C-alpha cells in the first residue's frame, strides 16, 4: 500500500540564508522511501568559506545511522539567475531527519563539511 507524500521544509540556513528547500517523502509499494528534494537560491559551493566542490544529501535514520543518499544537481534557468538544485532518490532506510553538507567528494561516507541546510526531526 502506498502512502501519501509528506512535505518537509528545510530550516533557514545560517551558512546560506537565502536558500529555501523542501523534501517530499513518500513510502512506495516495496517499503522503500522516495525522496524528492528541491532547493532554490543555494550558492555555488565554491563560493563558501572554506570552498567546497559539491553538496551531498544525507538522511539520519533511527536504526542505521547517517547515510549519504546522493549529490544535489544544480542548474540555473536561461532567463533566470535563480539557482535550482534537486535530487530524486530512493532509500530502504526510514529517514528521521535530512540534511545537506558542502563536501569535496560525492562518495564520502561520513559528513565532514559544513551543514548548509537541515530539517527538524520528523
PDB file of N, CA and C in Angstrom:
ATOM      1  N   UNK A   1       0.840  -1.182   0.000  1.00  0.00           N
ATOM      2  CA  UNK A   1       0.000   0.000   0.000  1.00  0.00           C
ATOM      3  C   UNK A   1       0.886   1.247   0.000  1.00  0.00           C
ATOM      4  N   UNK A   2       0.586   2.174  -0.852  1.00  0.00           N
ATOM      5  CA  UNK A   2       1.360   3.396  -0.985  1.00  0.00           C
ATOM      6  C   UNK A   2       0.744   4.495  -0.133  1.00  0.00           C
ATOM      7  N   UNK A   3       1.589   5.231   0.575  1.00  0.00           N
ATOM      8  CA  UNK A   3       1.072   6.290   1.438  1.00  0.00           C
ATOM      9  C   UNK A   3       1.174   7.638   0.746  1.00  0.00           C
ATOM     10  N   UNK A   4       0.508   8.623   1.312  1.00  0.00           N
ATOM     11  CA  UNK A   4       0.565   9.987   0.787  1.00  0.00           C
ATOM     12  C   UNK A   4       1.945  10.576   1.046  1.00  0.00           C
ATOM     13  N   UNK A   5       2.329  11.489   0.199  1.00  0.00           N
ATOM     14  CA  UNK A   5       3.617  12.150   0.366  1.00  0.00           C
ATOM     15  C   UNK A   5       3.556  13.128   1.531  1.00  0.00           C
ATOM     16  N   UNK A   6       4.658  13.195   2.261  1.00  0.00           N
ATOM     17  CA  UNK A   6       4.803  14.129   3.374  1.00  0.00           C
ATOM     18  C   UNK A   6       5.765  15.217   2.905  1.00  0.00           C
ATOM     19  N   UNK A   7       5.385  16.481   3.052  1.00  0.00           N
ATOM     20  CA  UNK A   7       6.240  17.592   2.632  1.00  0.00           C
ATOM     21  C   UNK A   7       6.935  18.170   3.851  1.00  0.00           C
ATOM     22  N   UNK A   8       8.256  18.230   3.774  1.00  0.00           N
ATOM     23  CA  UNK A   8       9.081  18.706   4.882  1.00  0.00           C
ATOM     24  C   UNK A   8       9.881  19.913   4.386  1.00  0.00           C
ATOM     25  N   UNK A   9       9.938  20.953   5.198  1.00  0.00           N
ATOM     26  CA  UNK A   9      10.658  22.174   4.832  1.00  0.00           C
ATOM     27  C   UNK A   9      11.994  22.229   5.563  1.00  0.00           C
ATOM     28  N   UNK A  10      13.040  22.635   4.831  1.00  0.00           N
ATOM     29  CA  UNK A  10      14.342  22.838   5.458  1.00  0.00           C
ATOM     30  C   UNK A  10      14.306  24.106   6.305  1.00  0.00           C
ATOM     31  N   UNK A  11      15.051  24.104   7.410  1.00  0.00           N
ATOM     32  CA  UNK A  11      15.186  25.282   8.266  1.00  0.00           C
ATOM     33  C   UNK A  11      16.043  26.331   7.561  1.00  0.00           C
ATOM     34  N   UNK A  12      15.895  27.593   7.941  1.00  0.00           N
ATOM     35  CA  UNK A  12      16.725  28.664   7.398  1.00  0.00           C
ATOM     36  C   UNK A  12      18.178  28.402   7.772  1.00  0.00           C
ATOM     37  N   UNK A  13      19.051  28.576   6.809  1.00  0.00           N
ATOM     38  CA  UNK A  13      20.467  28.276   6.995  1.00  0.00           C
ATOM     39  C   UNK A  13      21.260  29.494   7.447  1.00  0.00           C
ATOM     40  N   UNK A  14      22.079  29.352   8.506  1.00  0.00           N
ATOM     41  CA  UNK A  14      22.974  30.449   8.876  1.00  0.00           C
ATOM     42  C   UNK A  14      24.145  30.569   7.893  1.00  0.00           C
ATOM     43  N   UNK A  15      24.431  29.501   7.151  1.00  0.00           N
ATOM     44  CA  UNK A  15      25.546  29.486   6.200  1.00  0.00           C
ATOM     45  C   UNK A  15      25.132  30.111   4.864  1.00  0.00           C
ATOM     46  N   UNK A  16      23.945  29.748   4.377  1.00  0.00           N
ATOM     47  CA  UNK A  16      23.412  30.266   3.116  1.00  0.00           C
ATOM     48  C   UNK A  16      21.965  30.707   3.382  1.00  0.00           C
ATOM     49  N   UNK A  17      21.780  31.903   4.008  1.00  0.00           N
ATOM     50  CA  UNK A  17      20.451  32.322   4.464  1.00  0.00           C
ATOM     51  C   UNK A  17      19.391  32.433   3.367  1.00  0.00           C
ATOM     52  N   UNK A  18      19.781  32.696   2.133  1.00  0.00           N
ATOM     53  CA  UNK A  18      18.801  32.842   1.053  1.00  0.00           C
ATOM     54  C   UNK A  18      18.243  31.500   0.576  1.00  0.00           C
ATOM     55  N   UNK A  19      18.903  30.420   0.916  1.00  0.00           N
ATOM     56  CA  UNK A  19      18.481  29.096   0.439  1.00  0.00           C
ATOM     57  C   UNK A  19      17.152  28.680   1.057  1.00  0.00           C
ATOM     58  N   UNK A  20      16.295  28.118   0.226  1.00  0.00           N
ATOM     59  CA  UNK A  20      14.997  27.600   0.658  1.00  0.00           C
ATOM     60  C   UNK A  20      14.833  26.224   0.041  1.00  0.00           C
ATOM     61  N   UNK A  21      14.262  25.301   0.809  1.00  0.00           N
ATOM     62  CA  UNK A  21      14.093  23.982   0.232  1.00  0.00           C
ATOM     63  C   UNK A  21      13.020  23.156   0.890  1.00  0.00           C
ATOM     64  N   UNK A  22      12.553  22.163   0.141  1.00  0.00           N
ATOM     65  CA  UNK A  22      11.567  21.218   0.646  1.00  0.00           C
ATOM     66  C   UNK A  22      11.944  19.808   0.215  1.00  0.00           C
ATOM     67  N   UNK A  23      11.405  18.858   0.949  1.00  0.00           N
ATOM     68  CA  UNK A  23      11.560  17.443   0.624  1.00  0.00           C
ATOM     69  C   UNK A  23      10.171  16.835   0.614  1.00  0.00           C
ATOM     70  N   UNK A  24       9.859  16.092  -0.433  1.00  0.00           N
ATOM     71  CA  UNK A  24       8.642  15.277  -0.437  1.00  0.00           C
ATOM     72  C   UNK A  24       9.088  13.853  -0.154  1.00  0.00           C
ATOM     73  N   UNK A  25       8.528  13.282   0.886  1.00  0.00           N
ATOM     74  CA  UNK A  25       8.895  11.937   1.326  1.00  0.00           C
ATOM     75  C   UNK A  25       7.678  11.043   1.180  1.00  0.00           C
ATOM     76  N   UNK A  26       7.865   9.920   0.482  1.00  0.00           N
ATOM     77  CA  UNK A  26       6.747   9.019   0.238  1.00  0.00           C
ATOM     78  C   UNK A  26       7.219   7.577   0.391  1.00  0.00           C
ATOM     79  N   UNK A  27       6.394   6.763   1.005  1.00  0.00           N
ATOM     80  CA  UNK A  27       6.656   5.337   1.161  1.00  0.00           C
ATOM     81  C   UNK A  27       6.109   4.628  -0.078  1.00  0.00           C
ATOM     82  N   UNK A  28       6.963   3.841  -0.789  1.00  0.00           N
ATOM     83  CA  UNK A  28       6.480   3.185  -2.004  1.00  0.00           C
ATOM     84  C   UNK A  28       5.933   1.785  -1.721  1.00  0.00           C
ATOM     85  N   UNK A  29       5.511   1.102  -2.766  1.00  0.00           N
ATOM     86  CA  UNK A  29       4.890  -0.220  -2.628  1.00  0.00           C
ATOM     87  C   UNK A  29       5.844  -1.290  -2.112  1.00  0.00           C
ATOM     88  N   UNK A  30       7.148  -1.062  -2.211  1.00  0.00           N
ATOM     89  CA  UNK A  30       8.142  -2.038  -1.762  1.00  0.00           C
ATOM     90  C   UNK A  30       8.653  -1.756  -0.357  1.00  0.00           C
ATOM     91  N   UNK A  31       8.086  -0.768   0.317  1.00  0.00           N
ATOM     92  CA  UNK A  31       8.546  -0.420   1.659  1.00  0.00           C
ATOM     93  C   UNK A  31       9.746   0.509   1.659  1.00  0.00           C
ATOM     94  N   UNK A  32      10.122   1.014   0.478  1.00  0.00           N
ATOM     95  CA  UNK A  32      11.223   1.969   0.388  1.00  0.00           C
ATOM     96  C   UNK A  32      10.685   3.389   0.539  1.00  0.00           C
ATOM     97  N   UNK A  33      11.589   4.332   0.685  1.00  0.00           N
ATOM     98  CA  UNK A  33      11.226   5.733   0.870  1.00  0.00           C
ATOM     99  C   UNK A  33      11.723   6.547  -0.318  1.00  0.00           C
ATOM    100  N   UNK A  34      10.795   7.201  -1.000  1.00  0.00           N
ATOM    101  CA  UNK A  34      11.129   8.071  -2.125  1.00  0.00           C
ATOM    102  C   UNK A  34      11.353   9.476  -1.594  1.00  0.00           C
ATOM    103  N   UNK A  35      12.502  10.051  -1.929  1.00  0.00           N
ATOM    104  CA  UNK A  35      12.821  11.417  -1.525  1.00  0.00           C
ATOM    105  C   UNK A  35      12.919  12.280  -2.770  1.00  0.00           C
ATOM    106  N   UNK A  36      12.215  13.392  -2.770  1.00  0.00           N
ATOM    107  CA  UNK A  36      12.242  14.345  -3.872  1.00  0.00           C
ATOM    108  C   UNK A  36      12.585  15.711  -3.276  1.00  0.00           C
ATOM    109  N   UNK A  37      13.861  16.100  -3.387  1.00  0.00           N
ATOM    110  CA  UNK A  37      14.348  17.353  -2.808  1.00  0.00           C
ATOM    111  C   UNK A  37      14.397  18.444  -3.858  1.00  0.00           C
ATOM    112  N   UNK A  38      13.988  19.638  -3.470  1.00  0.00           N
ATOM    113  CA  UNK A  38      14.093  20.814  -4.321  1.00  0.00           C
ATOM    114  C   UNK A  38      14.574  21.979  -3.467  1.00  0.00           C
ATOM    115  N   UNK A  39      15.666  22.601  -3.905  1.00  0.00           N
ATOM    116  CA  UNK A  39      16.260  23.717  -3.168  1.00  0.00           C
ATOM    117  C   UNK A  39      16.478  24.868  -4.145  1.00  0.00           C
ATOM    118  N   UNK A  40      16.174  26.082  -3.693  1.00  0.00           N
ATOM    119  CA  UNK A  40      16.405  27.278  -4.505  1.00  0.00           C
ATOM    120  C   UNK A  40      17.365  28.214  -3.775  1.00  0.00           C
ATOM    121  N   UNK A  41      18.096  28.993  -4.547  1.00  0.00           N
ATOM    122  CA  UNK A  41      18.993  30.043  -4.033  1.00  0.00           C
ATOM    123  C   UNK A  41      20.166  29.484  -3.221  1.00  0.00           C
ATOM    124  N   UNK A  42      20.587  28.283  -3.505  1.00  0.00           N
ATOM    125  CA  UNK A  42      21.735  27.700  -2.807  1.00  0.00           C
ATOM    126  C   UNK A  42      22.997  28.113  -3.553  1.00  0.00           C
ATOM    127  N   UNK A  43      23.877  28.836  -2.881  1.00  0.00           N
ATOM    128  CA  UNK A  43      25.089  29.357  -3.514  1.00  0.00           C
ATOM    129  C   UNK A  43      25.978  28.227  -4.030  1.00  0.00           C
ATOM    130  N   UNK A  44      26.752  28.533  -5.044  1.00  0.00           N
ATOM    131  CA  UNK A  44      27.741  27.587  -5.555  1.00  0.00           C
ATOM    132  C   UNK A  44      28.663  27.207  -4.396  1.00  0.00           C
ATOM    133  N   UNK A  45      28.919  25.927  -4.168  1.00  0.00           N
ATOM    134  CA  UNK A  45      29.752  25.524  -3.026  1.00  0.00           C
ATOM    135  C   UNK A  45      31.176  26.072  -3.085  1.00  0.00           C
ATOM    136  N   UNK A  46      31.631  26.446  -4.260  1.00  0.00           N
ATOM    137  CA  UNK A  46      32.973  27.029  -4.391  1.00  0.00           C
ATOM    138  C   UNK A  46      33.026  28.435  -3.804  1.00  0.00           C
ATOM    139  N   UNK A  47      31.846  29.044  -3.580  1.00  0.00           N
ATOM    140  CA  UNK A  47      31.787  30.395  -3.017  1.00  0.00           C
ATOM    141  C   UNK A  47      31.709  30.390  -1.494  1.00  0.00           C
ATOM    142  N   UNK A  48      31.579  29.207  -0.900  1.00  0.00           N
ATOM    143  CA  UNK A  48      31.537  29.110   0.563  1.00  0.00           C
ATOM    144  C   UNK A  48      32.934  29.324   1.129  1.00  0.00           C
ATOM    145  N   UNK A  49      33.002  29.555   2.431  1.00  0.00           N
ATOM    146  CA  UNK A  49      34.287  29.691   3.105  1.00  0.00           C
ATOM    147  C   UNK A  49      34.333  28.697   4.256  1.00  0.00           C
ATOM    148  N   UNK A  50      35.119  27.632   4.177  1.00  0.00           N
ATOM    149  CA  UNK A  50      36.017  27.265   3.079  1.00  0.00           C
ATOM    150  C   UNK A  50      35.241  26.747   1.873  1.00  0.00           C
ATOM    151  N   UNK A  51      35.825  26.920   0.696  1.00  0.00           N
ATOM    152  CA  UNK A  51      35.146  26.494  -0.526  1.00  0.00           C
ATOM    153  C   UNK A  51      35.122  24.973  -0.622  1.00  0.00           C
ATOM    154  N   UNK A  52      34.079  24.467  -1.242  1.00  0.00           N
ATOM    155  CA  UNK A  52      33.898  23.026  -1.439  1.00  0.00           C
ATOM    156  C   UNK A  52      33.514  22.779  -2.891  1.00  0.00           C
ATOM    157  N   UNK A  53      33.429  21.519  -3.275  1.00  0.00           N
ATOM    158  CA  UNK A  53      33.156  21.156  -4.665  1.00  0.00           C
ATOM    159  C   UNK A  53      31.685  20.898  -4.967  1.00  0.00           C
ATOM    160  N   UNK A  54      30.932  20.407  -3.972  1.00  0.00           N
ATOM    161  CA  UNK A  54      29.565  19.964  -4.242  1.00  0.00           C
ATOM    162  C   UNK A  54      28.770  19.853  -2.957  1.00  0.00           C
ATOM    163  N   UNK A  55      27.471  19.600  -3.121  1.00  0.00           N
ATOM    164  CA  UNK A  55      26.577  19.395  -1.979  1.00  0.00           C
ATOM    165  C   UNK A  55      26.134  17.938  -1.938  1.00  0.00           C
ATOM    166  N   UNK A  56      26.167  17.352  -0.744  1.00  0.00           N
ATOM    167  CA  UNK A  56      25.740  15.968  -0.538  1.00  0.00           C
ATOM    168  C   UNK A  56      24.522  15.964   0.385  1.00  0.00           C
ATOM    169  N   UNK A  57      23.543  15.130   0.048  1.00  0.00           N
ATOM    170  CA  UNK A  57      22.325  14.981   0.844  1.00  0.00           C
ATOM    171  C   UNK A  57      22.476  13.747   1.728  1.00  0.00           C
ATOM    172  N   UNK A  58      22.125  13.910   2.997  1.00  0.00           N
ATOM    173  CA  UNK A  58      22.237  12.838   3.987  1.00  0.00           C
ATOM    174  C   UNK A  58      20.884  12.601   4.642  1.00  0.00           C
ATOM    175  N   UNK A  59      20.641  11.346   5.034  1.00  0.00           N
ATOM    176  CA  UNK A  59      19.488  11.054   5.877  1.00  0.00           C
ATOM    177  C   UNK A  59      20.004  10.491   7.192  1.00  0.00           C
ATOM    178  N   UNK A  60      19.348  10.892   8.258  1.00  0.00           N
ATOM    179  CA  UNK A  60      19.629  10.331   9.580  1.00  0.00           C
ATOM    180  C   UNK A  60      18.499   9.348   9.862  1.00  0.00           C
ATOM    181  N   UNK A  61      18.876   8.105  10.163  1.00  0.00           N
ATOM    182  CA  UNK A  61      17.878   7.064  10.382  1.00  0.00           C
ATOM    183  C   UNK A  61      17.875   6.645  11.843  1.00  0.00           C
ATOM    184  N   UNK A  62      16.789   6.027  12.252  1.00  0.00           N
ATOM    185  CA  UNK A  62      16.657   5.615  13.645  1.00  0.00           C
ATOM    186  C   UNK A  62      17.608   4.472  13.996  1.00  0.00           C
ATOM    187  N   UNK A  63      17.721   3.478  13.115  1.00  0.00           N
ATOM    188  CA  UNK A  63      18.489   2.281  13.446  1.00  0.00           C
ATOM    189  C   UNK A  63      19.757   2.093  12.629  1.00  0.00           C
ATOM    190  N   UNK A  64      19.930   2.837  11.540  1.00  0.00           N
ATOM    191  CA  UNK A  64      21.065   2.601  10.658  1.00  0.00           C
ATOM    192  C   UNK A  64      22.009   3.783  10.532  1.00  0.00           C
ATOM    193  N   UNK A  65      21.910   4.755  11.432  1.00  0.00           N
ATOM    194  CA  UNK A  65      22.835   5.878  11.427  1.00  0.00           C
ATOM    195  C   UNK A  65      22.597   6.854  10.287  1.00  0.00           C
ATOM    196  N   UNK A  66      23.670   7.486   9.851  1.00  0.00           N
ATOM    197  CA  UNK A  66      23.615   8.514   8.820  1.00  0.00           C
ATOM    198  C   UNK A  66      24.054   7.915   7.487  1.00  0.00           C
ATOM    199  N   UNK A  67      23.276   8.182   6.437  1.00  0.00           N
ATOM    200  CA  UNK A  67      23.546   7.621   5.113  1.00  0.00           C
ATOM    201  C   UNK A  67      23.625   8.724   4.061  1.00  0.00           C
ATOM    202  N   UNK A  68      24.623   8.629   3.184  1.00  0.00           N
ATOM    203  CA  UNK A  68      24.763   9.501   2.025  1.00  0.00           C
ATOM    204  C   UNK A  68      23.771   9.001   0.974  1.00  0.00           C
ATOM    205  N   UNK A  69      22.828   9.859   0.561  1.00  0.00           N
ATOM    206  CA  UNK A  69      21.839   9.428  -0.430  1.00  0.00           C
ATOM    207  C   UNK A  69      22.031  10.089  -1.794  1.00  0.00           C
ATOM    208  N   UNK A  70      23.062  10.927  -1.935  1.00  0.00           N
ATOM    209  CA  UNK A  70      23.349  11.471  -3.255  1.00  0.00           C
ATOM    210  C   UNK A  70      23.790  12.915  -3.265  1.00  0.00           C
ATOM    211  N   UNK A  71      24.163  13.347  -4.457  1.00  0.00           N
ATOM    212  CA  UNK A  71      24.651  14.705  -4.680  1.00  0.00           C
ATOM    213  C   UNK A  71      23.539  15.562  -5.263  1.00  0.00           C
ATOM    214  N   UNK A  72      23.411  16.784  -4.754  1.00  0.00           N
ATOM    215  CA  UNK A  72      22.450  17.733  -5.324  1.00  0.00           C
ATOM    216  C   UNK A  72      22.932  18.159  -6.703  1.00  0.00           C
ATOM    217  N   UNK A  73      22.035  18.190  -7.652  1.00  0.00           N
ATOM    218  CA  UNK A  73      22.333  18.681  -9.001  1.00  0.00           C
ATOM    219  C   UNK A  73      21.797  20.100  -9.095  1.00  0.00           C
ATOM    220  N   UNK A  74      22.638  21.027  -9.553  1.00  0.00           N
ATOM    221  CA  UNK A  74      22.260  22.438  -9.602  1.00  0.00           C
ATOM    222  C   UNK A  74      22.192  22.923 -11.044  1.00  0.00           C
ATOM    223  N   UNK A  75      21.185  23.755 -11.315  1.00  0.00           N
ATOM    224  CA  UNK A  75      21.061  24.368 -12.636  1.00  0.00           C
ATOM    225  C   UNK A  75      20.501  25.770 -12.463  1.00  0.00           C
ATOM    226  N   UNK A  76      20.765  26.610 -13.441  1.00  0.00           N
ATOM    227  CA  UNK A  76      20.147  27.937 -13.448  1.00  0.00           C
ATOM    228  C   UNK A  76      19.380  28.062 -14.752  1.00  0.00           C
ATOM    229  N   UNK A  77      18.270  28.746 -14.686  1.00  0.00           N
ATOM    230  CA  UNK A  77      17.420  28.882 -15.866  1.00  0.00           C
ATOM    231  C   UNK A  77      18.027  29.815 -16.893  1.00  0.00           C
ATOM    232  N   UNK A  78      17.589  29.687 -18.127  1.00  0.00           N
ATOM    233  CA  UNK A  78      18.078  30.505 -19.223  1.00  0.00           C
ATOM    234  C   UNK A  78      17.768  31.989 -19.003  1.00  0.00           C
ATOM    235  N   UNK A  79      16.583  32.273 -18.469  1.00  0.00           N
ATOM    236  CA  UNK A  79      16.166  33.661 -18.262  1.00  0.00           C
ATOM    237  C   UNK A  79      16.122  34.046 -16.790  1.00  0.00           C
ATOM    238  N   UNK A  80      16.720  33.237 -15.946  1.00  0.00           N
ATOM    239  CA  UNK A  80      16.663  33.488 -14.508  1.00  0.00           C
ATOM    240  C   UNK A  80      18.018  33.214 -13.881  1.00  0.00           C
ATOM    241  N   UNK A  81      18.347  33.983 -12.867  1.00  0.00           N
ATOM    242  CA  UNK A  81      19.595  33.745 -12.144  1.00  0.00           C
ATOM    243  C   UNK A  81      19.361  32.891 -10.909  1.00  0.00           C
ATOM    244  N   UNK A  82      18.136  32.418 -10.745  1.00  0.00           N
ATOM    245  CA  UNK A  82      17.800  31.582  -9.599  1.00  0.00           C
ATOM    246  C   UNK A  82      18.487  30.237  -9.734  1.00  0.00           C
ATOM    247  N   UNK A  83      19.302  29.893  -8.769  1.00  0.00           N
ATOM    248  CA  UNK A  83      19.930  28.579  -8.761  1.00  0.00           C
ATOM    249  C   UNK A  83      18.940  27.578  -8.204  1.00  0.00           C
ATOM    250  N   UNK A  84      18.691  26.529  -8.951  1.00  0.00           N
ATOM    251  CA  UNK A  84      17.771  25.484  -8.521  1.00  0.00           C
ATOM    252  C   UNK A  84      18.549  24.187  -8.392  1.00  0.00           C
ATOM    253  N   UNK A  85      18.379  23.528  -7.267  1.00  0.00           N
ATOM    254  CA  UNK A  85      19.053  22.258  -7.027  1.00  0.00           C
ATOM    255  C   UNK A  85      18.005  21.206  -6.722  1.00  0.00           C
ATOM    256  N   UNK A  86      18.286  19.982  -7.138  1.00  0.00           N
ATOM    257  CA  UNK A  86      17.316  18.921  -6.888  1.00  0.00           C
ATOM    258  C   UNK A  86      17.994  17.563  -6.776  1.00  0.00           C
ATOM    259  N   UNK A  87      17.262  16.652  -6.169  1.00  0.00           N
ATOM    260  CA  UNK A  87      17.690  15.259  -6.078  1.00  0.00           C
ATOM    261  C   UNK A  87      16.446  14.409  -5.891  1.00  0.00           C
ATOM    262  N   UNK A  88      16.330  13.376  -6.700  1.00  0.00           N
ATOM    263  CA  UNK A  88      15.284  12.365  -6.525  1.00  0.00           C
ATOM    264  C   UNK A  88      16.003  11.052  -6.290  1.00  0.00           C
ATOM    265  N   UNK A  89      15.655  10.393  -5.198  1.00  0.00           N
ATOM    266  CA  UNK A  89      16.323   9.144  -4.863  1.00  0.00           C
ATOM    267  C   UNK A  89      15.391   8.259  -4.050  1.00  0.00           C
ATOM    268  N   UNK A  90      15.802   7.016  -3.869  1.00  0.00           N
ATOM    269  CA  UNK A  90      15.045   6.045  -3.075  1.00  0.00           C
ATOM    270  C   UNK A  90      15.979   5.468  -2.028  1.00  0.00           C
ATOM    271  N   UNK A  91      15.466   5.296  -0.820  1.00  0.00           N
ATOM    272  CA  UNK A  91      16.240   4.702   0.269  1.00  0.00           C
ATOM    273  C   UNK A  91      15.430   3.588   0.917  1.00  0.00           C
ATOM    274  N   UNK A  92      16.120   2.531   1.292  1.00  0.00           N
ATOM    275  CA  UNK A  92      15.444   1.454   2.028  1.00  0.00           C
ATOM    276  C   UNK A  92      15.369   1.786   3.513  1.00  0.00           C
ATOM    277  N   UNK A  93      16.080   2.838   3.919  1.00  0.00           N
ATOM    278  CA  UNK A  93      16.106   3.254   5.319  1.00  0.00           C
ATOM    279  C   UNK A  93      15.089   4.367   5.559  1.00  0.00           C
ATOM    280  N   UNK A  94      14.375   4.296   6.670  1.00  0.00           N
ATOM    281  CA  UNK A  94      13.396   5.327   7.016  1.00  0.00           C
ATOM    282  C   UNK A  94      14.120   6.541   7.594  1.00  0.00           C
ATOM    283  N   UNK A  95      14.028   7.699   6.928  1.00  0.00           N
ATOM    284  CA  UNK A  95      14.702   8.886   7.459  1.00  0.00           C
ATOM    285  C   UNK A  95      13.926   9.532   8.598  1.00  0.00           C
ATOM    286  N   UNK A  96      14.672  10.048   9.570  1.00  0.00           N
ATOM    287  CA  UNK A  96      14.099  10.840  10.663  1.00  0.00           C
ATOM    288  C   UNK A  96      14.431  12.317  10.497  1.00  0.00           C
ATOM    289  N   UNK A  97      15.510  12.577   9.746  1.00  0.00           N
ATOM    290  CA  UNK A  97      15.985  13.944   9.519  1.00  0.00           C
ATOM    291  C   UNK A  97      16.789  13.928   8.233  1.00  0.00           C
ATOM    292  N   UNK A  98      16.770  15.026   7.510  1.00  0.00           N
ATOM    293  CA  UNK A  98      17.522  15.149   6.262  1.00  0.00           C
ATOM    294  C   UNK A  98      18.378  16.403   6.359  1.00  0.00           C
ATOM    295  N   UNK A  99      19.632  16.290   5.915  1.00  0.00           N
ATOM    296  CA  UNK A  99      20.481  17.479   5.912  1.00  0.00           C
ATOM    297  C   UNK A  99      21.421  17.458   4.717  1.00  0.00           C
ATOM    298  N   UNK A 100      21.941  18.631   4.383  1.00  0.00           N
ATOM    299  CA  UNK A 100      22.807  18.817   3.222  1.00  0.00           C
ATOM    300  C   UNK A 100      24.113  19.430   3.698  1.00  0.00           C
ATOM    301  N   UNK A 101      25.232  18.847   3.248  1.00  0.00           N
ATOM    302  CA  UNK A 101      26.545  19.384   3.592  1.00  0.00           C
ATOM    303  C   UNK A 101      27.306  19.748   2.326  1.00  0.00           C
ATOM    304  N   UNK A 102      28.255  20.657   2.470  1.00  0.00           N
ATOM    305  CA  UNK A 102      29.173  21.003   1.389  1.00  0.00           C
ATOM    306  C   UNK A 102      30.392  20.098   1.543  1.00  0.00           C
ATOM    307  N   UNK A 103      30.752  19.397   0.479  1.00  0.00           N
ATOM    308  CA  UNK A 103      31.829  18.408   0.528  1.00  0.00           C
ATOM    309  C   UNK A 103      32.746  18.556  -0.686  1.00  0.00           C
ATOM    310  N   UNK A 104      33.892  17.884  -0.625  1.00  0.00           N
ATOM    311  CA  UNK A 104      34.806  17.830  -1.765  1.00  0.00           C
ATOM    312  C   UNK A 104      34.631  16.558  -2.584  1.00  0.00           C
ATOM    313  N   UNK A 105      33.965  15.542  -2.010  1.00  0.00           N
ATOM    314  CA  UNK A 105      33.827  14.246  -2.666  1.00  0.00           C
ATOM    315  C   UNK A 105      32.392  13.746  -2.512  1.00  0.00           C
ATOM    316  N   UNK A 106      31.745  13.405  -3.617  1.00  0.00           N
ATOM    317  CA  UNK A 106      30.353  12.941  -3.585  1.00  0.00           C
ATOM    318  C   UNK A 106      30.203  11.576  -2.928  1.00  0.00           C
ATOM    319  N   UNK A 107      31.267  10.787  -2.902  1.00  0.00           N
ATOM    320  CA  UNK A 107      31.185   9.423  -2.371  1.00  0.00           C
ATOM    321  C   UNK A 107      31.579   9.303  -0.908  1.00  0.00           C
ATOM    322  N   UNK A 108      31.741  10.423  -0.231  1.00  0.00           N
ATOM    323  CA  UNK A 108      32.128  10.378   1.173  1.00  0.00           C
ATOM    324  C   UNK A 108      31.088   9.606   1.985  1.00  0.00           C
ATOM    325  N   UNK A 109      31.553   8.835   2.950  1.00  0.00           N
ATOM    326  CA  UNK A 109      30.662   8.006   3.760  1.00  0.00           C
ATOM    327  C   UNK A 109      30.194   8.696   5.034  1.00  0.00           C
ATOM    328  N   UNK A 110      30.881   9.781   5.412  1.00  0.00           N
ATOM    329  CA  UNK A 110      30.539  10.499   6.640  1.00  0.00           C
ATOM    330  C   UNK A 110      30.524  11.993   6.356  1.00  0.00           C
ATOM    331  N   UNK A 111      29.546  12.710   6.892  1.00  0.00           N
ATOM    332  CA  UNK A 111      29.519  14.157   6.661  1.00  0.00           C
ATOM    333  C   UNK A 111      30.713  14.822   7.330  1.00  0.00           C
ATOM    334  N   UNK A 112      31.478  15.566   6.549  1.00  0.00           N
ATOM    335  CA  UNK A 112      32.655  16.218   7.100  1.00  0.00           C
ATOM    336  C   UNK A 112      32.645  17.701   6.845  1.00  0.00           C
ATOM    337  N   UNK A 113      31.842  18.112   5.897  1.00  0.00           N
ATOM    338  CA  UNK A 113      31.786  19.520   5.537  1.00  0.00           C
ATOM    339  C   UNK A 113      30.771  20.273   6.373  1.00  0.00           C
ATOM    340  N   UNK A 114      30.579  21.520   6.017  1.00  0.00           N
ATOM    341  CA  UNK A 114      29.600  22.383   6.684  1.00  0.00           C
ATOM    342  C   UNK A 114      28.187  21.912   6.386  1.00  0.00           C
ATOM    343  N   UNK A 115      27.340  21.886   7.399  1.00  0.00           N
ATOM    344  CA  UNK A 115      25.922  21.635   7.168  1.00  0.00           C
ATOM    345  C   UNK A 115      25.303  22.945   6.700  1.00  0.00           C
ATOM    346  N   UNK A 116      24.743  22.935   5.494  1.00  0.00           N
ATOM    347  CA  UNK A 116      24.177  24.165   4.939  1.00  0.00           C
ATOM    348  C   UNK A 116      22.663  24.225   5.083  1.00  0.00           C
ATOM    349  N   UNK A 117      21.994  23.081   5.078  1.00  0.00           N
ATOM    350  CA  UNK A 117      20.549  23.029   5.291  1.00  0.00           C
ATOM    351  C   UNK A 117      20.210  21.772   6.074  1.00  0.00           C
ATOM    352  N   UNK A 118      19.181  21.860   6.918  1.00  0.00           N
ATOM    353  CA  UNK A 118      18.714  20.664   7.617  1.00  0.00           C
ATOM    354  C   UNK A 118      17.244  20.806   7.971  1.00  0.00           C
ATOM    355  N   UNK A 119      16.628  19.665   8.195  1.00  0.00           N
ATOM    356  CA  UNK A 119      15.240  19.643   8.647  1.00  0.00           C
ATOM    357  C   UNK A 119      15.240  19.354  10.138  1.00  0.00           C
ATOM    358  N   UNK A 120      14.118  19.609  10.770  1.00  0.00           N
ATOM    359  CA  UNK A 120      13.930  19.131  12.136  1.00  0.00           C
ATOM    360  C   UNK A 120      13.684  17.631  12.059  1.00  0.00           C
ATOM    361  N   UNK A 121      13.760  16.941  13.198  1.00  0.00           N
ATOM    362  CA  UNK A 121      13.381  15.529  13.230  1.00  0.00           C
ATOM    363  C   UNK A 121      11.902  15.425  12.896  1.00  0.00           C
ATOM    364  N   UNK A 122      11.536  14.377  12.165  1.00  0.00           N
ATOM    365  CA  UNK A 122      10.127  14.180  11.819  1.00  0.00           C
ATOM    366  C   UNK A 122       9.732  12.737  12.032  1.00  0.00           C
TER     367      UNK A 122
END
